Amino acid sequence: MERIRKYLHDIDVSIHSIYDYLGAERDFFAYRNDKKLRRAVEREFEIIGEAVRRILEIDPGIEISEARKIVNMRNWVIHGYDMVDNTVVWGVISNDLPKLKQQIEHLIQTK
């Protein structure tokens, strides 16, 4: 399905953008202290969450682990912007984003 491929591509671009913004060092303290960097990363998470939401509307059975949590994070970043916890976002970057990257790359190859 062409729309799903487009959304998968959008997710892939956003993941790579996050990694580009953070650089090879991926320093939490640099992230925490740079408002522009935080906002850029948060925007990419908004895009990822919205793309996942749209994919689920088209194909609820698509295999993206933690898909609901991804959409919930998008909602939290947008609607709870004043309560975004940098430590939580950093945990997602460190622990969840690499797994999502692998899944998305696999889905791009198979869709």
PDB file of N, CA and C in Angstrom:
ATOM      1  N   MET A   1       0.838  -1.185   0.000  1.00  0.00           N
ATOM      2  CA  MET A   1       0.000   0.000   0.000  1.00  0.00           C
ATOM      3  C   MET A   1       0.881   1.246   0.000  1.00  0.00           C
ATOM      4  N   GLU A   2       0.629   2.118  -0.942  1.00  0.00           N
ATOM      5  CA  GLU A   2       1.475   3.294  -1.150  1.00  0.00           C
ATOM      6  C   GLU A   2       1.487   4.257   0.044  1.00  0.00           C
ATOM      7  N   ARG A   3       0.332   4.481   0.651  1.00  0.00           N
ATOM      8  CA  ARG A   3       0.293   5.413   1.792  1.00  0.00           C
ATOM      9  C   ARG A   3       1.076   4.877   2.972  1.00  0.00           C
ATOM     10  N   ILE A   4       0.998   3.584   3.224  1.00  0.00           N
ATOM     11  CA  ILE A   4       1.760   3.002   4.326  1.00  0.00           C
ATOM     12  C   ILE A   4       3.258   3.169   4.064  1.00  0.00           C
ATOM     13  N   ARG A   5       3.687   2.923   2.843  1.00  0.00           N
ATOM     14  CA  ARG A   5       5.106   3.112   2.511  1.00  0.00           C
ATOM     15  C   ARG A   5       5.538   4.555   2.735  1.00  0.00           C
ATOM     16  N   LYS A   6       4.672   5.495   2.391  1.00  0.00           N
ATOM     17  CA  LYS A   6       4.991   6.910   2.598  1.00  0.00           C
ATOM     18  C   LYS A   6       5.160   7.206   4.084  1.00  0.00           C
ATOM     19  N   TYR A   7       4.250   6.699   4.919  1.00  0.00           N
ATOM     20  CA  TYR A   7       4.341   6.937   6.367  1.00  0.00           C
ATOM     21  C   TYR A   7       5.550   6.240   6.965  1.00  0.00           C
ATOM     22  N   LEU A   8       5.870   5.039   6.491  1.00  0.00           N
ATOM     23  CA  LEU A   8       7.068   4.347   6.961  1.00  0.00           C
ATOM     24  C   LEU A   8       8.315   5.159   6.613  1.00  0.00           C
ATOM     25  N   HIS A   9       8.319   5.719   5.422  1.00  0.00           N
ATOM     26  CA  HIS A   9       9.441   6.573   5.010  1.00  0.00           C
ATOM     27  C   HIS A   9       9.541   7.807   5.912  1.00  0.00           C
ATOM     28  N   ASP A  10       8.408   8.418   6.232  1.00  0.00           N
ATOM     29  CA  ASP A  10       8.406   9.587   7.117  1.00  0.00           C
ATOM     30  C   ASP A  10       8.992   9.233   8.486  1.00  0.00           C
ATOM     31  N   ILE A  11       8.623   8.069   9.005  1.00  0.00           N
ATOM     32  CA  ILE A  11       9.159   7.618  10.296  1.00  0.00           C
ATOM     33  C   ILE A  11      10.664   7.428  10.189  1.00  0.00           C
ATOM     34  N   ASP A  12      11.092   6.773   9.128  1.00  0.00           N
ATOM     35  CA  ASP A  12      12.514   6.522   8.927  1.00  0.00           C
ATOM     36  C   ASP A  12      13.299   7.830   8.862  1.00  0.00           C
ATOM     37  N   VAL A  13      12.795   8.794   8.125  1.00  0.00           N
ATOM     38  CA  VAL A  13      13.459  10.097   8.009  1.00  0.00           C
ATOM     39  C   VAL A  13      13.531  10.775   9.377  1.00  0.00           C
ATOM     40  N   SER A  14      12.457  10.712  10.148  1.00  0.00           N
ATOM     41  CA  SER A  14      12.452  11.344  11.464  1.00  0.00           C
ATOM     42  C   SER A  14      13.434  10.674  12.421  1.00  0.00           C
ATOM     43  N   ILE A  15      13.517   9.361  12.376  1.00  0.00           N
ATOM     44  CA  ILE A  15      14.483   8.650  13.225  1.00  0.00           C
ATOM     45  C   ILE A  15      15.903   9.078  12.861  1.00  0.00           C
ATOM     46  N   HIS A  16      16.201   9.092  11.574  1.00  0.00           N
ATOM     47  CA  HIS A  16      17.540   9.512  11.156  1.00  0.00           C
ATOM     48  C   HIS A  16      17.801  10.976  11.515  1.00  0.00           C
ATOM     49  N   SER A  17      16.782  11.796  11.440  1.00  0.00           N
ATOM     50  CA  SER A  17      16.945  13.205  11.816  1.00  0.00           C
ATOM     51  C   SER A  17      17.295  13.334  13.297  1.00  0.00           C
ATOM     52  N   ILE A  18      16.619  12.567  14.140  1.00  0.00           N
ATOM     53  CA  ILE A  18      16.926  12.605  15.578  1.00  0.00           C
ATOM     54  C   ILE A  18      18.388  12.244  15.799  1.00  0.00           C
ATOM     55  N   TYR A  19      18.836  11.173  15.169  1.00  0.00           N
ATOM     56  CA  TYR A  19      20.232  10.768  15.316  1.00  0.00           C
ATOM     57  C   TYR A  19      21.183  11.844  14.786  1.00  0.00           C
ATOM     58  N   ASP A  20      20.820  12.474  13.671  1.00  0.00           N
ATOM     59  CA  ASP A  20      21.654  13.555  13.124  1.00  0.00           C
ATOM     60  C   ASP A  20      21.727  14.733  14.088  1.00  0.00           C
ATOM     61  N   TYR A  21      20.590  15.121  14.659  1.00  0.00           N
ATOM     62  CA  TYR A  21      20.564  16.247  15.590  1.00  0.00           C
ATOM     63  C   TYR A  21      21.449  15.985  16.802  1.00  0.00           C
ATOM     64  N   LEU A  22      21.417  14.747  17.287  1.00  0.00           N
ATOM     65  CA  LEU A  22      22.141  14.411  18.516  1.00  0.00           C
ATOM     66  C   LEU A  22      23.624  14.175  18.284  1.00  0.00           C
ATOM     67  N   GLY A  23      23.996  13.827  17.084  1.00  0.00           N
ATOM     68  CA  GLY A  23      25.392  13.557  16.781  1.00  0.00           C
ATOM     69  C   GLY A  23      25.843  12.222  17.354  1.00  0.00           C
ATOM     70  N   ALA A  24      27.073  11.897  17.117  1.00  0.00           N
ATOM     71  CA  ALA A  24      27.610  10.596  17.515  1.00  0.00           C
ATOM     72  C   ALA A  24      27.731  10.453  19.028  1.00  0.00           C
ATOM     73  N   GLU A  25      27.955  11.540  19.728  1.00  0.00           N
ATOM     74  CA  GLU A  25      28.172  11.466  21.178  1.00  0.00           C
ATOM     75  C   GLU A  25      26.895  11.191  21.961  1.00  0.00           C
ATOM     76  N   ARG A  26      25.791  11.728  21.512  1.00  0.00           N
ATOM     77  CA  ARG A  26      24.499  11.573  22.193  1.00  0.00           C
ATOM     78  C   ARG A  26      24.614  11.857  23.692  1.00  0.00           C
ATOM     79  N   ASP A  27      24.910  13.088  23.986  1.00  0.00           N
ATOM     80  CA  ASP A  27      25.137  13.542  25.354  1.00  0.00           C
ATOM     81  C   ASP A  27      23.828  14.084  25.946  1.00  0.00           C
ATOM     82  N   PHE A  28      23.336  13.431  26.995  1.00  0.00           N
ATOM     83  CA  PHE A  28      22.081  13.845  27.627  1.00  0.00           C
ATOM     84  C   PHE A  28      22.155  15.284  28.111  1.00  0.00           C
ATOM     85  N   PHE A  29      23.260  15.669  28.724  1.00  0.00           N
ATOM     86  CA  PHE A  29      23.355  17.013  29.294  1.00  0.00           C
ATOM     87  C   PHE A  29      23.355  18.086  28.200  1.00  0.00           C
ATOM     88  N   ALA A  30      23.978  17.781  27.078  1.00  0.00           N
ATOM     89  CA  ALA A  30      23.917  18.706  25.946  1.00  0.00           C
ATOM     90  C   ALA A  30      22.482  18.809  25.441  1.00  0.00           C
ATOM     91  N   TYR A  31      21.801  17.672  25.384  1.00  0.00           N
ATOM     92  CA  TYR A  31      20.396  17.649  24.964  1.00  0.00           C
ATOM     93  C   TYR A  31      19.539  18.474  25.931  1.00  0.00           C
ATOM     94  N   ARG A  32      19.675  18.185  27.202  1.00  0.00           N
ATOM     95  CA  ARG A  32      18.860  18.857  28.232  1.00  0.00           C
ATOM     96  C   ARG A  32      19.053  20.366  28.211  1.00  0.00           C
ATOM     97  N   ASN A  33      20.262  20.814  27.911  1.00  0.00           N
ATOM     98  CA  ASN A  33      20.576  22.237  27.997  1.00  0.00           C
ATOM     99  C   ASN A  33      20.379  23.005  26.691  1.00  0.00           C
ATOM    100  N   ASP A  34      19.926  22.340  25.644  1.00  0.00           N
ATOM    101  CA  ASP A  34      19.766  22.988  24.338  1.00  0.00           C
ATOM    102  C   ASP A  34      18.290  22.948  23.930  1.00  0.00           C
ATOM    103  N   LYS A  35      17.611  24.050  24.158  1.00  0.00           N
ATOM    104  CA  LYS A  35      16.170  24.123  23.886  1.00  0.00           C
ATOM    105  C   LYS A  35      15.851  23.847  22.422  1.00  0.00           C
ATOM    106  N   LYS A  36      16.642  24.380  21.505  1.00  0.00           N
ATOM    107  CA  LYS A  36      16.389  24.151  20.084  1.00  0.00           C
ATOM    108  C   LYS A  36      16.513  22.670  19.746  1.00  0.00           C
ATOM    109  N   LEU A  37      17.511  22.021  20.304  1.00  0.00           N
ATOM    110  CA  LEU A  37      17.705  20.598  20.066  1.00  0.00           C
ATOM    111  C   LEU A  37      16.526  19.795  20.621  1.00  0.00           C
ATOM    112  N   ARG A  38      16.112  20.121  21.838  1.00  0.00           N
ATOM    113  CA  ARG A  38      14.964  19.415  22.430  1.00  0.00           C
ATOM    114  C   ARG A  38      13.714  19.591  21.573  1.00  0.00           C
ATOM    115  N   ARG A  39      13.465  20.805  21.146  1.00  0.00           N
ATOM    116  CA  ARG A  39      12.270  21.066  20.332  1.00  0.00           C
ATOM    117  C   ARG A  39      12.341  20.340  18.993  1.00  0.00           C
ATOM    118  N   ALA A  40      13.521  20.271  18.407  1.00  0.00           N
ATOM    119  CA  ALA A  40      13.679  19.564  17.133  1.00  0.00           C
ATOM    120  C   ALA A  40      13.393  18.073  17.318  1.00  0.00           C
ATOM    121  N   VAL A  41      13.934  17.489  18.374  1.00  0.00           N
ATOM    122  CA  VAL A  41      13.706  16.069  18.649  1.00  0.00           C
ATOM    123  C   VAL A  41      12.224  15.823  18.947  1.00  0.00           C
ATOM    124  N   GLU A  42      11.627  16.684  19.748  1.00  0.00           N
ATOM    125  CA  GLU A  42      10.204  16.528  20.065  1.00  0.00           C
ATOM    126  C   GLU A  42       9.356  16.590  18.803  1.00  0.00           C
ATOM    127  N   ARG A  43       9.694  17.477  17.881  1.00  0.00           N
ATOM    128  CA  ARG A  43       8.948  17.576  16.624  1.00  0.00           C
ATOM    129  C   ARG A  43       9.052  16.285  15.830  1.00  0.00           C
ATOM    130  N   GLU A  44      10.214  15.689  15.796  1.00  0.00           N
ATOM    131  CA  GLU A  44      10.374  14.419  15.087  1.00  0.00           C
ATOM    132  C   GLU A  44       9.535  13.323  15.742  1.00  0.00           C
ATOM    133  N   PHE A  45       9.447  13.333  17.072  1.00  0.00           N
ATOM    134  CA  PHE A  45       8.590  12.359  17.746  1.00  0.00           C
ATOM    135  C   PHE A  45       7.114  12.602  17.423  1.00  0.00           C
ATOM    136  N   GLU A  46       6.738  13.856  17.245  1.00  0.00           N
ATOM    137  CA  GLU A  46       5.364  14.163  16.828  1.00  0.00           C
ATOM    138  C   GLU A  46       5.082  13.537  15.461  1.00  0.00           C
ATOM    139  N   ILE A  47       6.025  13.697  14.543  1.00  0.00           N
ATOM    140  CA  ILE A  47       5.865  13.150  13.194  1.00  0.00           C
ATOM    141  C   ILE A  47       5.802  11.632  13.247  1.00  0.00           C
ATOM    142  N   ILE A  48       6.690  11.016  14.012  1.00  0.00           N
ATOM    143  CA  ILE A  48       6.694   9.557  14.147  1.00  0.00           C
ATOM    144  C   ILE A  48       5.355   9.075  14.684  1.00  0.00           C
ATOM    145  N   GLY A  49       4.876   9.695  15.736  1.00  0.00           N
ATOM    146  CA  GLY A  49       3.611   9.280  16.343  1.00  0.00           C
ATOM    147  C   GLY A  49       2.422   9.451  15.423  1.00  0.00           C
ATOM    148  N   GLU A  50       2.395  10.548  14.694  1.00  0.00           N
ATOM    149  CA  GLU A  50       1.289  10.785  13.767  1.00  0.00           C
ATOM    150  C   GLU A  50       1.329   9.787  12.614  1.00  0.00           C
ATOM    151  N   ALA A  51       2.521   9.504  12.107  1.00  0.00           N
ATOM    152  CA  ALA A  51       2.646   8.535  11.017  1.00  0.00           C
ATOM    153  C   ALA A  51       2.215   7.140  11.491  1.00  0.00           C
ATOM    154  N   VAL A  52       2.613   6.754  12.693  1.00  0.00           N
ATOM    155  CA  VAL A  52       2.181   5.458  13.230  1.00  0.00           C
ATOM    156  C   VAL A  52       0.668   5.427  13.374  1.00  0.00           C
ATOM    157  N   ARG A  53       0.081   6.502  13.875  1.00  0.00           N
ATOM    158  CA  ARG A  53      -1.376   6.567  14.023  1.00  0.00           C
ATOM    159  C   ARG A  53      -2.069   6.368  12.680  1.00  0.00           C
ATOM    160  N   ARG A  54      -1.561   7.016  11.652  1.00  0.00           N
ATOM    161  CA  ARG A  54      -2.171   6.890  10.325  1.00  0.00           C
ATOM    162  C   ARG A  54      -1.993   5.485   9.753  1.00  0.00           C
ATOM    163  N   ILE A  55      -0.835   4.888  10.000  1.00  0.00           N
ATOM    164  CA  ILE A  55      -0.619   3.506   9.549  1.00  0.00           C
ATOM    165  C   ILE A  55      -1.623   2.578  10.218  1.00  0.00           C
ATOM    166  N   LEU A  56      -1.830   2.754  11.516  1.00  0.00           N
ATOM    167  CA  LEU A  56      -2.760   1.894  12.249  1.00  0.00           C
ATOM    168  C   LEU A  56      -4.193   2.061  11.762  1.00  0.00           C
ATOM    169  N   GLU A  57      -4.540   3.247  11.300  1.00  0.00           N
ATOM    170  CA  GLU A  57      -5.878   3.454  10.731  1.00  0.00           C
ATOM    171  C   GLU A  57      -6.055   2.636   9.455  1.00  0.00           C
ATOM    172  N   ILE A  58      -4.994   2.538   8.681  1.00  0.00           N
ATOM    173  CA  ILE A  58      -5.053   1.802   7.414  1.00  0.00           C
ATOM    174  C   ILE A  58      -4.949   0.300   7.659  1.00  0.00           C
ATOM    175  N   ASP A  59      -4.022  -0.088   8.520  1.00  0.00           N
ATOM    176  CA  ASP A  59      -3.766  -1.511   8.778  1.00  0.00           C
ATOM    177  C   ASP A  59      -3.496  -1.723  10.266  1.00  0.00           C
ATOM    178  N   PRO A  60      -4.565  -1.945  11.063  1.00  0.00           N
ATOM    179  CA  PRO A  60      -4.387  -2.107  12.508  1.00  0.00           C
ATOM    180  C   PRO A  60      -3.522  -3.304  12.893  1.00  0.00           C
ATOM    181  N   GLY A  61      -3.323  -4.230  11.978  1.00  0.00           N
ATOM    182  CA  GLY A  61      -2.548  -5.420  12.275  1.00  0.00           C
ATOM    183  C   GLY A  61      -1.063  -5.298  11.962  1.00  0.00           C
ATOM    184  N   ILE A  62      -0.642  -4.139  11.499  1.00  0.00           N
ATOM    185  CA  ILE A  62       0.778  -3.990  11.135  1.00  0.00           C
ATOM    186  C   ILE A  62       1.638  -4.173  12.386  1.00  0.00           C
ATOM    187  N   GLU A  63       2.777  -4.801  12.192  1.00  0.00           N
ATOM    188  CA  GLU A  63       3.614  -5.162  13.330  1.00  0.00           C
ATOM    189  C   GLU A  63       4.633  -4.072  13.650  1.00  0.00           C
ATOM    190  N   ILE A  64       4.181  -3.119  14.468  1.00  0.00           N
ATOM    191  CA  ILE A  64       5.051  -2.107  15.046  1.00  0.00           C
ATOM    192  C   ILE A  64       4.866  -2.253  16.549  1.00  0.00           C
ATOM    193  N   SER A  65       5.870  -2.821  17.208  1.00  0.00           N
ATOM    194  CA  SER A  65       5.719  -3.028  18.648  1.00  0.00           C
ATOM    195  C   SER A  65       5.632  -1.670  19.343  1.00  0.00           C
ATOM    196  N   GLU A  66       4.843  -1.646  20.368  1.00  0.00           N
ATOM    197  CA  GLU A  66       4.642  -0.420  21.149  1.00  0.00           C
ATOM    198  C   GLU A  66       3.980   0.696  20.338  1.00  0.00           C
ATOM    199  N   ALA A  67       3.237   0.330  19.310  1.00  0.00           N
ATOM    200  CA  ALA A  67       2.608   1.337  18.449  1.00  0.00           C
ATOM    201  C   ALA A  67       1.715   2.284  19.253  1.00  0.00           C
ATOM    202  N   ARG A  68       0.949   1.734  20.159  1.00  0.00           N
ATOM    203  CA  ARG A  68       0.051   2.576  20.968  1.00  0.00           C
ATOM    204  C   ARG A  68       0.852   3.540  21.832  1.00  0.00           C
ATOM    205  N   LYS A  69       1.959   3.070  22.384  1.00  0.00           N
ATOM    206  CA  LYS A  69       2.803   3.938  23.206  1.00  0.00           C
ATOM    207  C   LYS A  69       3.431   5.053  22.367  1.00  0.00           C
ATOM    208  N   ILE A  70       3.756   4.735  21.129  1.00  0.00           N
ATOM    209  CA  ILE A  70       4.332   5.743  20.231  1.00  0.00           C
ATOM    210  C   ILE A  70       3.315   6.852  19.978  1.00  0.00           C
ATOM    211  N   VAL A  71       2.087   6.469  19.707  1.00  0.00           N
ATOM    212  CA  VAL A  71       1.025   7.455  19.482  1.00  0.00           C
ATOM    213  C   VAL A  71       0.774   8.251  20.766  1.00  0.00           C
ATOM    214  N   ASN A  72       0.767   7.561  21.905  1.00  0.00           N
ATOM    215  CA  ASN A  72       0.569   8.250  23.185  1.00  0.00           C
ATOM    216  C   ASN A  72       1.684   9.254  23.457  1.00  0.00           C
ATOM    217  N   MET A  73       2.907   8.903  23.085  1.00  0.00           N
ATOM    218  CA  MET A  73       4.019   9.839  23.282  1.00  0.00           C
ATOM    219  C   MET A  73       3.821  11.080  22.428  1.00  0.00           C
ATOM    220  N   ARG A  74       3.375  10.885  21.198  1.00  0.00           N
ATOM    221  CA  ARG A  74       3.087  12.028  20.322  1.00  0.00           C
ATOM    222  C   ARG A  74       2.067  12.948  20.980  1.00  0.00           C
ATOM    223  N   ASN A  75       1.013  12.358  21.523  1.00  0.00           N
ATOM    224  CA  ASN A  75      -0.027  13.152  22.184  1.00  0.00           C
ATOM    225  C   ASN A  75       0.526  13.888  23.405  1.00  0.00           C
ATOM    226  N   TRP A  76       1.373  13.212  24.175  1.00  0.00           N
ATOM    227  CA  TRP A  76       1.978  13.802  25.368  1.00  0.00           C
ATOM    228  C   TRP A  76       2.859  14.989  24.990  1.00  0.00           C
ATOM    229  N   VAL A  77       3.671  14.834  23.942  1.00  0.00           N
ATOM    230  CA  VAL A  77       4.566  15.913  23.515  1.00  0.00           C
ATOM    231  C   VAL A  77       3.762  17.111  23.021  1.00  0.00           C
ATOM    232  N   ILE A  78       2.690  16.842  22.289  1.00  0.00           N
ATOM    233  CA  ILE A  78       1.884  17.944  21.745  1.00  0.00           C
ATOM    234  C   ILE A  78       1.004  18.590  22.820  1.00  0.00           C
ATOM    235  N   HIS A  79       0.237  17.774  23.522  1.00  0.00           N
ATOM    236  CA  HIS A  79      -0.769  18.318  24.440  1.00  0.00           C
ATOM    237  C   HIS A  79      -0.233  18.573  25.838  1.00  0.00           C
ATOM    238  N   GLY A  80       0.817  17.862  26.208  1.00  0.00           N
ATOM    239  CA  GLY A  80       1.405  18.056  27.530  1.00  0.00           C
ATOM    240  C   GLY A  80       2.767  18.705  27.424  1.00  0.00           C
ATOM    241  N   TYR A  81       2.891  19.599  26.434  1.00  0.00           N
ATOM    242  CA  TYR A  81       4.183  20.212  26.134  1.00  0.00           C
ATOM    243  C   TYR A  81       4.866  20.806  27.362  1.00  0.00           C
ATOM    244  N   ASP A  82       4.075  21.263  28.316  1.00  0.00           N
ATOM    245  CA  ASP A  82       4.648  21.893  29.504  1.00  0.00           C
ATOM    246  C   ASP A  82       5.072  20.876  30.560  1.00  0.00           C
ATOM    247  N   MET A  83       4.812  19.592  30.296  1.00  0.00           N
ATOM    248  CA  MET A  83       5.172  18.547  31.248  1.00  0.00           C
ATOM    249  C   MET A  83       6.129  17.521  30.639  1.00  0.00           C
ATOM    250  N   VAL A  84       6.691  17.828  29.473  1.00  0.00           N
ATOM    251  CA  VAL A  84       7.601  16.886  28.827  1.00  0.00           C
ATOM    252  C   VAL A  84       8.835  16.729  29.718  1.00  0.00           C
ATOM    253  N   ASP A  85       9.142  15.489  30.026  1.00  0.00           N
ATOM    254  CA  ASP A  85      10.266  15.154  30.891  1.00  0.00           C
ATOM    255  C   ASP A  85      11.440  14.739  30.010  1.00  0.00           C
ATOM    256  N   ASN A  86      12.503  15.519  30.056  1.00  0.00           N
ATOM    257  CA  ASN A  86      13.667  15.254  29.212  1.00  0.00           C
ATOM    258  C   ASN A  86      14.266  13.876  29.471  1.00  0.00           C
ATOM    259  N   THR A  87      14.192  13.424  30.700  1.00  0.00           N
ATOM    260  CA  THR A  87      14.732  12.102  31.039  1.00  0.00           C
ATOM    261  C   THR A  87      13.933  11.006  30.359  1.00  0.00           C
ATOM    262  N   VAL A  88      12.617  11.155  30.316  1.00  0.00           N
ATOM    263  CA  VAL A  88      11.766  10.165  29.656  1.00  0.00           C
ATOM    264  C   VAL A  88      12.053  10.156  28.151  1.00  0.00           C
ATOM    265  N   VAL A  89      12.132  11.326  27.555  1.00  0.00           N
ATOM    266  CA  VAL A  89      12.424  11.411  26.117  1.00  0.00           C
ATOM    267  C   VAL A  89      13.783  10.770  25.835  1.00  0.00           C
ATOM    268  N   TRP A  90      14.762  11.059  26.681  1.00  0.00           N
ATOM    269  CA  TRP A  90      16.095  10.487  26.481  1.00  0.00           C
ATOM    270  C   TRP A  90      16.053   8.964  26.593  1.00  0.00           C
ATOM    271  N   GLY A  91      15.237   8.456  27.522  1.00  0.00           N
ATOM    272  CA  GLY A  91      15.082   7.008  27.649  1.00  0.00           C
ATOM    273  C   GLY A  91      14.507   6.392  26.385  1.00  0.00           C
ATOM    274  N   VAL A  92      13.551   7.061  25.783  1.00  0.00           N
ATOM    275  CA  VAL A  92      12.963   6.584  24.531  1.00  0.00           C
ATOM    276  C   VAL A  92      14.017   6.603  23.428  1.00  0.00           C
ATOM    277  N   ILE A  93      14.798   7.672  23.369  1.00  0.00           N
ATOM    278  CA  ILE A  93      15.858   7.767  22.364  1.00  0.00           C
ATOM    279  C   ILE A  93      16.855   6.621  22.546  1.00  0.00           C
ATOM    280  N   SER A  94      17.234   6.367  23.768  1.00  0.00           N
ATOM    281  CA  SER A  94      18.277   5.377  24.054  1.00  0.00           C
ATOM    282  C   SER A  94      17.785   3.942  23.940  1.00  0.00           C
ATOM    283  N   ASN A  95      16.568   3.686  24.424  1.00  0.00           N
ATOM    284  CA  ASN A  95      16.098   2.305  24.534  1.00  0.00           C
ATOM    285  C   ASN A  95      15.129   1.865  23.439  1.00  0.00           C
ATOM    286  N   ASP A  96      14.256   2.758  23.021  1.00  0.00           N
ATOM    287  CA  ASP A  96      13.179   2.364  22.117  1.00  0.00           C
ATOM    288  C   ASP A  96      13.434   2.719  20.654  1.00  0.00           C
ATOM    289  N   LEU A  97      14.108   3.819  20.418  1.00  0.00           N
ATOM    290  CA  LEU A  97      14.308   4.267  19.037  1.00  0.00           C
ATOM    291  C   LEU A  97      15.128   3.278  18.205  1.00  0.00           C
ATOM    292  N   PRO A  98      16.181   2.674  18.758  1.00  0.00           N
ATOM    293  CA  PRO A  98      16.914   1.689  17.944  1.00  0.00           C
ATOM    294  C   PRO A  98      16.039   0.503  17.513  1.00  0.00           C
ATOM    295  N   LYS A  99      15.155   0.044  18.389  1.00  0.00           N
ATOM    296  CA  LYS A  99      14.252  -1.066  18.053  1.00  0.00           C
ATOM    297  C   LYS A  99      13.261  -0.633  16.972  1.00  0.00           C
ATOM    298  N   LEU A 100      12.706   0.565  17.142  1.00  0.00           N
ATOM    299  CA  LEU A 100      11.766   1.075  16.145  1.00  0.00           C
ATOM    300  C   LEU A 100      12.461   1.224  14.792  1.00  0.00           C
ATOM    301  N   LYS A 101      13.673   1.703  14.804  1.00  0.00           N
ATOM    302  CA  LYS A 101      14.441   1.868  13.560  1.00  0.00           C
ATOM    303  C   LYS A 101      14.553   0.533  12.820  1.00  0.00           C
ATOM    304  N   GLN A 102      14.886  -0.521  13.533  1.00  0.00           N
ATOM    305  CA  GLN A 102      15.003  -1.845  12.916  1.00  0.00           C
ATOM    306  C   GLN A 102      13.666  -2.311  12.345  1.00  0.00           C
ATOM    307  N   GLN A 103      12.606  -2.133  13.099  1.00  0.00           N
ATOM    308  CA  GLN A 103      11.281  -2.564  12.638  1.00  0.00           C
ATOM    309  C   GLN A 103      10.861  -1.799  11.392  1.00  0.00           C
ATOM    310  N   ILE A 104      11.077  -0.507  11.409  1.00  0.00           N
ATOM    311  CA  ILE A 104      10.663   0.330  10.271  1.00  0.00           C
ATOM    312  C   ILE A 104      11.476  -0.038   9.028  1.00  0.00           C
ATOM    313  N   GLU A 105      12.764  -0.238   9.193  1.00  0.00           N
ATOM    314  CA  GLU A 105      13.596  -0.630   8.041  1.00  0.00           C
ATOM    315  C   GLU A 105      13.120  -1.974   7.473  1.00  0.00           C
ATOM    316  N   HIS A 106      12.761  -2.903   8.353  1.00  0.00           N
ATOM    317  CA  HIS A 106      12.243  -4.202   7.896  1.00  0.00           C
ATOM    318  C   HIS A 106      10.919  -4.019   7.148  1.00  0.00           C
ATOM    319  N   LEU A 107      10.015  -3.213   7.708  1.00  0.00           N
ATOM    320  CA  LEU A 107       8.720  -2.995   7.062  1.00  0.00           C
ATOM    321  C   LEU A 107       8.883  -2.304   5.703  1.00  0.00           C
ATOM    322  N   ILE A 108       9.819  -1.372   5.605  1.00  0.00           N
ATOM    323  CA  ILE A 108      10.058  -0.694   4.326  1.00  0.00           C
ATOM    324  C   ILE A 108      10.493  -1.708   3.276  1.00  0.00           C
ATOM    325  N   GLN A 109      11.315  -2.653   3.673  1.00  0.00           N
ATOM    326  CA  GLN A 109      11.790  -3.670   2.733  1.00  0.00           C
ATOM    327  C   GLN A 109      10.694  -4.641   2.308  1.00  0.00           C
ATOM    328  N   THR A 110       9.713  -4.866   3.180  1.00  0.00           N
ATOM    329  CA  THR A 110       8.690  -5.872   2.900  1.00  0.00           C
ATOM    330  C   THR A 110       7.378  -5.297   2.391  1.00  0.00           C
ATOM    331  N   LYS A 111       7.173  -4.015   2.494  1.00  0.00           N
ATOM    332  CA  LYS A 111       5.891  -3.411   2.059  1.00  0.00           C
ATOM    333  C   LYS A 111       5.980  -2.888   0.652  1.00  0.00           C
TER     334      LYS A 111
END
